Amino acid sequence: MSDYGKRLEESFKQALEIAQGTAKPGTYRITQYDDDGNPTVIADFSDEFLAQIDAEIAAEREQEEKAKSPSIEQPTG
């Protein structure tokens, strides 16, 4: 098998691990390059990234809970 074929096979294995959710944190980073060759990370499976996602989810849930609870207006006077 050519070197390209081996790298392609490894990429398929990595994609399968990511899709199945069995990729270990810190294992993979998916980068996309624009026409000028500038990289943009479009997926990152590092511990820091996963912690950031968890924090964002927690903040969204907190906002949803605040929106659900009725606000109590204090009487003025």
Protein backbone atom coordinates (compact mmCIF):
# COMPACT_ATOMS: atom_id res chain seq x y z
CA MET A 1 0.00 0.00 0.00
CA SER A 2 1.31 3.44 -0.83
CA ASP A 3 2.03 6.04 1.85
CA TYR A 4 -1.04 7.98 0.70
CA GLY A 5 -3.20 4.87 1.07
CA LYS A 6 -1.91 4.27 4.61
CA ARG A 7 -2.62 7.88 5.62
CA LEU A 8 -6.08 7.67 4.06
CA GLU A 9 -6.83 4.46 5.95
CA GLU A 10 -5.66 6.06 9.22
CA SER A 11 -7.90 9.08 8.54
CA PHE A 12 -10.88 6.77 8.07
CA LYS A 13 -10.12 5.06 11.39
CA GLN A 14 -9.86 8.43 13.14
CA ALA A 15 -13.13 9.63 11.61
CA LEU A 16 -14.84 6.44 12.77
CA GLU A 17 -13.58 6.94 16.35
CA ILE A 18 -14.83 10.53 16.34
CA ALA A 19 -18.23 9.54 14.89
CA GLN A 20 -18.67 6.71 17.39
CA GLY A 21 -17.66 8.97 20.28
CA THR A 22 -14.74 6.76 21.26
CA ALA A 23 -12.00 9.28 20.45
CA LYS A 24 -9.95 10.08 23.51
CA PRO A 25 -9.78 13.76 24.55
CA GLY A 26 -6.67 15.44 23.22
CA THR A 27 -6.38 12.94 20.39
CA TYR A 28 -7.60 14.78 17.30
CA ARG A 29 -7.87 18.29 15.95
CA ILE A 30 -9.60 18.83 12.62
CA THR A 31 -8.24 21.81 10.69
CA GLN A 32 -9.61 23.40 7.54
CA TYR A 33 -7.42 25.60 5.33
CA ASP A 34 -8.71 28.54 3.29
CA ASP A 35 -7.46 29.43 -0.19
CA ASP A 36 -4.54 31.41 1.26
CA GLY A 37 -3.42 28.47 3.38
CA ASN A 38 -4.59 29.94 6.68
CA PRO A 39 -5.71 27.24 9.13
CA THR A 40 -9.00 27.26 11.01
CA VAL A 41 -9.67 24.61 13.65
CA ILE A 42 -13.20 23.33 13.03
CA ALA A 43 -13.19 20.55 15.64
CA ASP A 44 -10.96 19.90 18.62
CA PHE A 45 -11.20 16.97 20.97
CA SER A 46 -8.85 18.29 23.66
CA ASP A 47 -9.71 18.35 27.37
CA GLU A 48 -9.75 22.17 27.31
CA PHE A 49 -12.17 22.29 24.39
CA LEU A 50 -14.51 19.75 25.97
CA ALA A 51 -14.47 21.73 29.25
CA GLN A 52 -15.33 24.90 27.32
CA ILE A 53 -18.28 23.17 25.63
CA ASP A 54 -19.52 21.87 29.00
CA ALA A 55 -19.35 25.39 30.46
CA GLU A 56 -21.29 26.83 27.52
CA ILE A 57 -23.98 24.16 27.87
CA ALA A 58 -24.27 24.84 31.62
CA ALA A 59 -24.62 28.59 30.98
CA GLU A 60 -27.35 27.98 28.39
CA ARG A 61 -29.26 25.71 30.78
CA GLU A 62 -28.98 28.31 33.53
CA GLN A 63 -30.43 30.97 31.21
CA GLU A 64 -33.28 28.62 30.26
CA GLU A 65 -34.07 28.00 33.93
CA LYS A 66 -34.12 31.74 34.62
CA ALA A 67 -36.47 32.27 31.69
CA LYS A 68 -38.83 29.55 32.96
CA SER A 69 -39.06 30.81 36.53
CA PRO A 70 -41.61 33.59 37.00
CA SER A 71 -40.11 36.89 37.97
CA ILE A 72 -41.49 38.41 41.14
CA GLU A 73 -41.95 42.14 41.03
CA GLN A 74 -41.36 44.02 44.23
CA PRO A 75 -44.05 46.55 45.13
CA THR A 76 -42.88 50.14 44.95
CA GLY A 77 -44.12 52.69 47.20
